N, C-alpha and C. Protein backbone atom coordinates (compact mmCIF):
# COMPACT_ATOMS: atom_id res chain seq x y z
N MET A 1 0.95 -1.12 0.19
CA MET A 1 -0.03 -0.14 0.19
C MET A 1 0.62 1.06 -0.04
N LYS A 2 1.66 1.29 0.74
CA LYS A 2 2.77 2.39 0.95
C LYS A 2 3.29 2.72 -0.40
N THR A 3 3.73 1.53 -1.17
CA THR A 3 4.87 1.79 -2.32
C THR A 3 3.76 2.43 -3.41
N ARG A 4 2.51 1.92 -3.24
CA ARG A 4 1.53 2.50 -4.66
C ARG A 4 1.32 3.92 -4.25
N LYS A 5 1.09 4.35 -2.88
CA LYS A 5 1.00 5.60 -2.56
C LYS A 5 2.31 6.32 -3.00
N HIS A 6 3.60 6.01 -2.58
CA HIS A 6 4.64 6.63 -3.08
C HIS A 6 4.60 6.99 -4.72
N THR A 7 4.26 5.74 -5.20
CA THR A 7 4.37 5.72 -6.60
C THR A 7 3.43 6.76 -7.47
N PHE A 8 1.90 6.74 -6.84
CA PHE A 8 1.42 7.68 -6.97
C PHE A 8 1.67 9.21 -6.88
N ASN A 9 2.28 9.45 -5.61
CA ASN A 9 2.68 10.79 -5.51
C ASN A 9 3.75 11.16 -6.18
N LEU A 10 4.61 10.41 -6.71
CA LEU A 10 5.91 10.48 -7.67
C LEU A 10 4.93 10.90 -8.97
N VAL A 11 4.36 9.76 -9.52
CA VAL A 11 3.94 10.35 -10.60
C VAL A 11 2.97 11.42 -11.06
N THR A 12 2.38 12.02 -9.92
CA THR A 12 1.42 13.20 -9.79
C THR A 12 2.30 14.43 -9.83
N ALA A 13 3.56 14.28 -8.55
CA ALA A 13 4.54 15.02 -9.05
C ALA A 13 5.04 15.48 -10.27
N LEU A 14 5.63 14.18 -10.62
CA LEU A 14 6.19 14.54 -12.23
C LEU A 14 5.21 15.19 -13.32
N LEU A 15 4.23 14.35 -13.16
CA LEU A 15 2.96 15.27 -14.16
C LEU A 15 2.92 16.91 -14.14
N ALA A 16 2.80 16.95 -12.67
CA ALA A 16 2.67 18.56 -12.38
C ALA A 16 3.93 19.42 -13.10
N PHE A 17 5.39 18.89 -12.62
CA PHE A 17 6.27 19.40 -13.33
C PHE A 17 6.27 19.49 -14.76
N VAL A 18 5.82 18.48 -15.44
CA VAL A 18 6.12 18.40 -16.61
C VAL A 18 4.90 19.46 -17.39
N THR A 19 3.92 19.42 -16.51
CA THR A 19 2.84 20.60 -16.78
C THR A 19 3.49 21.77 -16.81
N LEU A 20 4.14 22.34 -15.70
CA LEU A 20 4.52 23.75 -15.58
C LEU A 20 5.47 24.04 -16.59
N LEU A 21 6.29 23.13 -17.00
CA LEU A 21 7.28 23.11 -17.88
C LEU A 21 6.93 23.64 -19.26
N PHE A 22 5.66 23.00 -19.70
CA PHE A 22 5.28 23.04 -21.18
C PHE A 22 4.54 24.38 -21.10
N ILE A 23 3.61 24.87 -20.11
CA ILE A 23 3.10 25.86 -19.87
C ILE A 23 4.09 27.09 -20.01
N ASN A 24 5.00 26.87 -19.18
CA ASN A 24 6.04 28.04 -19.57
C ASN A 24 6.70 28.32 -20.88
N MET A 25 7.19 27.07 -21.51
CA MET A 25 7.37 27.02 -22.88
C MET A 25 6.78 27.77 -23.67
N GLN A 26 5.28 27.59 -23.59
CA GLN A 26 4.49 28.09 -24.58
C GLN A 26 4.42 29.87 -24.08
N GLU A 27 4.27 30.27 -23.16
CA GLU A 27 4.44 31.44 -22.69
C GLU A 27 5.68 32.15 -23.16
N VAL A 28 7.00 31.59 -22.99
CA VAL A 28 8.35 32.31 -23.72
C VAL A 28 8.44 32.01 -25.20
N GLU A 29 7.99 31.37 -25.76
CA GLU A 29 8.18 30.70 -27.22
C GLU A 29 7.54 32.18 -28.11
N GLY A 30 6.56 32.83 -27.72
CA GLY A 30 6.41 34.08 -28.45
C GLY A 30 7.16 35.29 -28.07
N LYS A 31 7.53 35.34 -27.15
CA LYS A 31 8.64 36.77 -26.52
C LYS A 31 9.82 36.42 -26.71
N THR A 32 10.62 37.56 -27.54
CA THR A 32 11.70 37.49 -27.45
C THR A 32 12.31 39.07 -27.33
N ASP A 33 13.29 39.49 -26.85
CA ASP A 33 13.67 40.65 -26.64
C ASP A 33 14.90 41.30 -27.83
N ILE A 34 15.18 40.36 -28.44
CA ILE A 34 16.16 40.41 -29.83
C ILE A 34 15.53 40.49 -30.88
N PRO A 35 15.61 41.52 -31.60
CA PRO A 35 14.89 41.85 -32.67
C PRO A 35 15.44 40.91 -33.72
N PHE A 36 14.66 40.22 -34.58
CA PHE A 36 15.00 39.41 -35.56
C PHE A 36 15.61 39.95 -36.88
N THR A 37 16.69 39.51 -37.34
CA THR A 37 17.47 40.14 -38.62
C THR A 37 17.72 38.82 -39.45
N ASP A 38 16.83 39.03 -40.60
CA ASP A 38 17.25 37.88 -41.62
C ASP A 38 18.43 37.76 -42.37
N GLY A 39 18.87 36.74 -42.48
CA GLY A 39 20.28 36.51 -43.22
C GLY A 39 20.66 37.57 -44.17
N ALA A 40 19.66 37.94 -45.12
CA ALA A 40 20.38 38.76 -46.21
C ALA A 40 20.59 39.91 -45.75
N GLU A 41 19.65 40.59 -44.72
CA GLU A 41 19.95 41.99 -43.88
C GLU A 41 21.38 41.98 -43.28
N LEU A 42 21.41 40.92 -42.61
CA LEU A 42 22.69 40.90 -41.84
C LEU A 42 24.07 40.86 -42.57
N GLN A 43 23.88 40.03 -43.76
CA GLN A 43 25.18 39.65 -44.79
C GLN A 43 25.54 41.33 -45.63
N GLU A 44 24.30 41.95 -45.75
CA GLU A 44 24.15 43.20 -46.47
C GLU A 44 24.93 44.37 -45.45
N GLY A 45 24.64 44.31 -44.35
CA GLY A 45 24.91 45.21 -43.03
C GLY A 45 26.41 44.83 -43.01
N ASN A 46 26.93 43.39 -43.00
CA ASN A 46 28.04 43.32 -43.01
C ASN A 46 29.33 43.69 -43.89
N ASN A 47 28.90 43.49 -45.21
CA ASN A 47 29.43 43.94 -46.24
C ASN A 47 29.41 45.54 -46.50
N ARG A 48 28.40 46.02 -46.16
CA ARG A 48 28.72 47.62 -45.97
C ARG A 48 29.53 48.09 -44.95
N MET A 49 29.70 47.68 -43.48
CA MET A 49 30.60 47.85 -42.73
C MET A 49 32.05 47.40 -43.01
N LEU A 50 32.07 46.47 -43.97
CA LEU A 50 33.50 45.75 -44.53
C LEU A 50 33.78 46.96 -45.41
N GLN A 51 33.11 47.17 -46.40
CA GLN A 51 33.63 48.28 -47.38
C GLN A 51 33.68 49.61 -46.58
N GLU A 52 33.27 49.88 -45.92
CA GLU A 52 33.61 51.46 -44.86
C GLU A 52 34.79 51.36 -44.31
N MET A 53 35.22 50.27 -43.83
CA MET A 53 36.41 49.60 -43.17
C MET A 53 37.57 49.76 -44.20
N GLU A 54 37.48 49.35 -45.17
CA GLU A 54 38.49 48.92 -45.99
C GLU A 54 38.53 50.37 -46.71
N GLU A 55 37.82 51.34 -46.74
CA GLU A 55 37.77 52.45 -47.58
C GLU A 55 38.80 53.32 -46.30
N PHE A 56 38.18 53.24 -45.37
CA PHE A 56 38.84 54.26 -43.93
C PHE A 56 40.26 53.65 -43.94
N LEU A 57 40.69 52.19 -43.82
CA LEU A 57 42.04 52.15 -43.65
C LEU A 57 42.80 51.76 -44.75
N TYR A 58 42.31 51.47 -45.92
CA TYR A 58 43.32 51.31 -47.33
C TYR A 58 42.90 52.06 -48.50
N GLY A 59 41.94 53.26 -48.28
CA GLY A 59 41.47 53.66 -49.20
C GLY A 59 42.68 54.59 -49.80
N GLN A 60 42.32 55.58 -50.62
CA GLN A 60 43.36 56.46 -51.06
C GLN A 60 43.74 57.19 -50.19
N LYS A 61 43.12 58.16 -49.09
CA LYS A 61 43.80 58.57 -48.26
C LYS A 61 43.81 57.71 -46.76
N GLY A 62 43.55 56.48 -47.18
CA GLY A 62 43.30 55.44 -45.83
C GLY A 62 44.72 55.57 -44.76
N ILE A 63 44.80 55.32 -43.64
CA ILE A 63 45.75 55.38 -42.63
C ILE A 63 46.66 54.48 -43.04
N MET A 64 46.14 53.41 -43.61
CA MET A 64 47.29 52.04 -43.48
C MET A 64 48.34 52.46 -44.50
N GLU A 65 47.57 53.08 -45.82
CA GLU A 65 48.55 53.61 -46.95
C GLU A 65 49.61 54.43 -46.39
N GLN A 66 49.03 55.60 -45.70
CA GLN A 66 50.16 56.60 -44.95
C GLN A 66 50.89 55.79 -44.18
N VAL A 67 50.78 54.92 -43.34
CA VAL A 67 51.76 54.13 -42.29
C VAL A 67 52.71 53.22 -43.07
N SER A 68 51.97 52.90 -44.03
CA SER A 68 53.19 51.98 -44.71
C SER A 68 54.30 52.67 -45.71
N ASN A 69 53.86 53.94 -46.37
CA ASN A 69 54.72 54.80 -46.86
C ASN A 69 55.90 55.31 -46.08
N GLU A 70 55.03 55.91 -44.66
CA GLU A 70 56.19 56.35 -43.83
C GLU A 70 57.07 55.22 -43.07
N LEU A 71 56.51 54.24 -42.84
CA LEU A 71 57.38 53.25 -42.52
C LEU A 71 58.44 52.77 -43.49
N LEU A 72 58.09 52.70 -44.78
CA LEU A 72 59.12 52.21 -45.82
C LEU A 72 60.36 53.47 -45.85
N LYS A 73 59.72 54.91 -45.83
CA LYS A 73 60.56 55.71 -45.57
C LYS A 73 61.48 55.85 -44.70
N ASN A 74 61.23 55.33 -43.42
CA ASN A 74 62.04 55.16 -42.11
C ASN A 74 63.11 53.89 -42.28
N GLY A 75 63.06 53.31 -43.26
CA GLY A 75 63.39 51.89 -43.63
C GLY A 75 63.04 50.56 -42.80
N TYR A 76 61.67 50.92 -42.88
CA TYR A 76 60.99 49.55 -42.18
C TYR A 76 60.05 48.90 -43.30
N ARG A 77 60.56 47.54 -43.53
CA ARG A 77 59.86 46.70 -44.42
C ARG A 77 58.83 45.92 -43.30
N THR A 78 57.52 46.04 -43.67
CA THR A 78 56.78 45.15 -42.70
C THR A 78 55.43 44.36 -42.98
N ARG A 79 54.86 43.37 -42.70
CA ARG A 79 53.40 42.84 -42.79
C ARG A 79 52.73 43.49 -41.87
N THR A 80 51.33 43.44 -41.98
CA THR A 80 50.58 44.05 -41.23
C THR A 80 49.41 42.98 -41.05
N ALA A 81 49.15 42.44 -39.64
CA ALA A 81 48.06 41.75 -39.33
C ALA A 81 46.88 42.60 -38.85
N LEU A 82 45.74 42.51 -39.26
CA LEU A 82 44.69 43.35 -38.65
C LEU A 82 43.38 42.84 -38.38
N ALA A 83 42.79 43.11 -37.20
CA ALA A 83 41.45 42.96 -36.81
C ALA A 83 40.60 43.77 -36.29
N PHE A 84 39.61 44.16 -37.13
CA PHE A 84 38.69 45.33 -36.97
C PHE A 84 37.32 44.82 -36.30
N PHE A 85 36.92 45.33 -35.38
CA PHE A 85 35.57 45.12 -35.12
C PHE A 85 34.66 46.53 -35.07
N SER A 86 35.03 47.61 -35.19
CA SER A 86 34.27 48.84 -35.43
C SER A 86 35.36 50.06 -35.68
N LYS A 87 35.06 51.36 -36.07
CA LYS A 87 35.81 52.15 -36.05
C LYS A 87 36.62 52.63 -34.74
N ASP A 88 36.01 52.00 -33.68
CA ASP A 88 36.53 52.37 -32.25
C ASP A 88 37.36 51.23 -32.07
N ASP A 89 37.31 49.97 -32.40
CA ASP A 89 38.27 48.94 -32.13
C ASP A 89 38.97 48.28 -33.30
N ILE A 90 40.43 48.81 -33.22
CA ILE A 90 40.86 48.01 -34.16
C ILE A 90 42.21 47.65 -33.77
N GLN A 91 42.78 46.37 -33.92
CA GLN A 91 43.99 45.95 -33.18
C GLN A 91 44.78 45.60 -35.02
N LEU A 92 46.10 46.05 -34.62
CA LEU A 92 47.04 45.93 -35.65
C LEU A 92 48.32 45.26 -35.12
N LYS A 93 48.73 44.60 -35.77
CA LYS A 93 50.40 44.03 -35.49
C LYS A 93 51.23 44.17 -36.64
N PHE A 94 52.29 44.94 -36.31
CA PHE A 94 53.12 45.40 -37.65
C PHE A 94 54.40 44.02 -37.29
N ILE A 95 54.68 43.43 -38.28
CA ILE A 95 55.57 42.61 -38.11
C ILE A 95 56.79 42.98 -39.05
N LEU A 96 58.03 43.48 -38.35
CA LEU A 96 59.18 43.75 -39.16
C LEU A 96 59.61 42.48 -39.86
N VAL A 97 59.86 42.79 -41.36
CA VAL A 97 60.49 41.85 -42.12
C VAL A 97 61.91 41.51 -41.97
N ASP A 98 62.80 42.89 -42.00
CA ASP A 98 64.15 42.56 -41.98
C ASP A 98 64.78 43.08 -40.96
N LYS A 99 64.27 43.16 -39.52
CA LYS A 99 64.58 43.76 -38.44
C LYS A 99 64.14 43.14 -37.03
N GLU A 100 65.08 43.12 -36.31
CA GLU A 100 64.39 42.38 -34.98
C GLU A 100 63.51 43.45 -34.36
N ALA A 101 62.69 42.97 -33.67
CA ALA A 101 61.69 43.62 -32.85
C ALA A 101 62.16 44.05 -31.54
N THR A 102 63.09 44.77 -31.52
CA THR A 102 63.55 45.44 -30.12
C THR A 102 62.54 46.04 -29.55
N LYS A 103 62.76 46.31 -28.15
CA LYS A 103 61.88 47.65 -27.56
C LYS A 103 62.00 48.90 -28.44
N SER A 104 63.02 49.20 -28.81
CA SER A 104 63.51 50.56 -29.24
C SER A 104 62.89 50.60 -30.75
N GLU A 105 62.94 49.33 -31.51
CA GLU A 105 62.16 49.45 -32.90
C GLU A 105 60.98 49.33 -32.50
N GLN A 106 60.33 48.59 -31.88
CA GLN A 106 58.71 48.74 -31.28
C GLN A 106 58.24 50.01 -31.01
N GLU A 107 58.78 51.07 -30.17
CA GLU A 107 58.47 52.16 -30.32
C GLU A 107 58.68 53.06 -31.36
N LYS A 108 59.54 52.87 -32.05
CA LYS A 108 59.96 53.74 -33.20
C LYS A 108 58.70 53.77 -34.12
N VAL A 109 58.23 52.38 -34.33
CA VAL A 109 57.14 51.87 -35.15
C VAL A 109 55.78 52.45 -34.74
N LYS A 110 55.39 52.27 -33.53
CA LYS A 110 54.52 52.59 -32.79
C LYS A 110 54.40 54.53 -32.89
N SER A 111 55.51 54.91 -32.58
CA SER A 111 55.34 56.70 -32.66
C SER A 111 55.28 56.96 -34.18
N ILE A 112 55.63 56.21 -35.29
CA ILE A 112 55.42 56.68 -36.51
C ILE A 112 53.77 56.65 -36.67
N PHE A 113 53.34 55.34 -36.29
CA PHE A 113 51.81 54.90 -36.82
C PHE A 113 51.14 55.97 -35.91
N PHE A 114 51.26 56.45 -34.82
CA PHE A 114 50.17 57.30 -33.98
C PHE A 114 50.35 58.52 -34.09
N GLU A 115 51.71 59.01 -34.76
CA GLU A 115 51.54 60.25 -35.26
C GLU A 115 50.86 60.73 -36.26
N LEU A 116 50.76 59.69 -37.37
CA LEU A 116 50.11 59.56 -38.36
C LEU A 116 48.46 59.46 -37.79
N VAL A 117 48.14 58.64 -36.92
CA VAL A 117 47.00 58.91 -36.24
C VAL A 117 46.40 60.26 -35.93
N GLU A 118 47.27 60.93 -35.19
CA GLU A 118 46.76 62.22 -34.70
C GLU A 118 47.00 63.27 -36.01
N LYS A 119 47.85 62.90 -36.96
CA LYS A 119 47.56 63.92 -37.90
C LYS A 119 45.96 63.48 -38.92
N ASN A 120 45.78 62.54 -38.87
CA ASN A 120 44.51 62.53 -39.80
C ASN A 120 43.33 62.52 -38.50
N ASN A 121 43.56 63.02 -37.51
CA ASN A 121 42.49 63.50 -36.53
C ASN A 121 41.64 62.01 -36.11
N LEU A 122 42.32 61.12 -36.28
CA LEU A 122 41.61 59.87 -35.49
C LEU A 122 41.69 59.55 -33.79
N ASP A 123 41.09 59.00 -33.34
CA ASP A 123 41.22 58.34 -32.33
C ASP A 123 42.09 57.41 -31.39
N PRO A 124 43.24 57.97 -31.05
CA PRO A 124 44.31 56.53 -30.88
C PRO A 124 43.84 55.73 -30.12
N LYS A 125 42.81 55.75 -29.19
CA LYS A 125 42.25 54.86 -28.20
C LYS A 125 41.41 53.82 -28.93
N ALA A 126 41.22 54.26 -30.20
CA ALA A 126 40.63 53.14 -31.05
C ALA A 126 41.62 52.03 -31.54
N PHE A 127 42.83 52.34 -31.56
CA PHE A 127 43.65 51.32 -32.16
C PHE A 127 44.76 50.97 -30.84
N SER A 128 44.68 49.40 -31.06
CA SER A 128 45.58 48.59 -30.37
C SER A 128 46.71 48.13 -31.19
N VAL A 129 47.99 48.32 -31.10
CA VAL A 129 48.92 48.23 -31.91
C VAL A 129 50.01 47.27 -31.16
N LYS A 130 50.76 46.36 -31.78
CA LYS A 130 51.84 45.26 -31.24
C LYS A 130 52.77 45.61 -32.30
N VAL A 131 54.04 45.55 -32.20
CA VAL A 131 54.99 45.24 -33.10
C VAL A 131 55.95 43.87 -32.70
N GLY A 132 56.36 43.45 -33.59
CA GLY A 132 56.80 41.94 -33.85
C GLY A 132 57.70 41.90 -34.60
N ASP A 133 58.30 40.54 -34.99
CA ASP A 133 59.16 40.28 -35.81
C ASP A 133 59.10 39.09 -36.32
N GLU A 134 59.67 38.45 -37.57
CA GLU A 134 59.13 37.17 -38.21
C GLU A 134 59.38 36.04 -37.18
N ASN A 135 60.01 35.83 -36.03
CA ASN A 135 60.17 34.87 -35.12
C ASN A 135 59.05 35.10 -34.27
N ASP A 136 58.44 35.77 -34.04
CA ASP A 136 57.43 35.86 -33.04
C ASP A 136 56.14 35.16 -33.55
N GLY A 137 55.36 34.44 -32.41
CA GLY A 137 54.50 33.40 -32.61
C GLY A 137 53.25 34.40 -32.67
N PRO A 138 51.94 33.87 -33.12
CA PRO A 138 51.02 34.56 -32.65
C PRO A 138 50.26 35.04 -31.51
N ASP A 139 50.07 36.31 -31.12
CA ASP A 139 49.65 36.37 -29.62
C ASP A 139 48.89 37.21 -29.59
N TRP A 140 47.47 37.01 -30.42
CA TRP A 140 46.44 37.33 -30.20
C TRP A 140 45.31 36.51 -30.14
């Protein structure tokens, strides 16, 4: 008798729990705080942002073209790794091709870069800059 009573109580509790879960899922199903963006809109927005950033960084008056030219004038051959998330969050790594990235060389390259940033009236806080050489491993 006790076993049947415990079994009945357990089954009743389990059914009540499942019913509450089902009701809760129905209430939540129609409510979302995140606006829906379809894939085509999202892709178009991403492409637009990519084009704006490419023009901003690499266009005719883009900062990267200016930096590349100035570094070459100062005897630096570099490759550049770049990650951008917005105009306020750009990460750069200049990889020195023919020089070792000593502290002194790193400071010179950063100085050239940030002089051009200021000359172009850009926000220096938007840029995170690292300087390495070909022997450095990836560090982002």
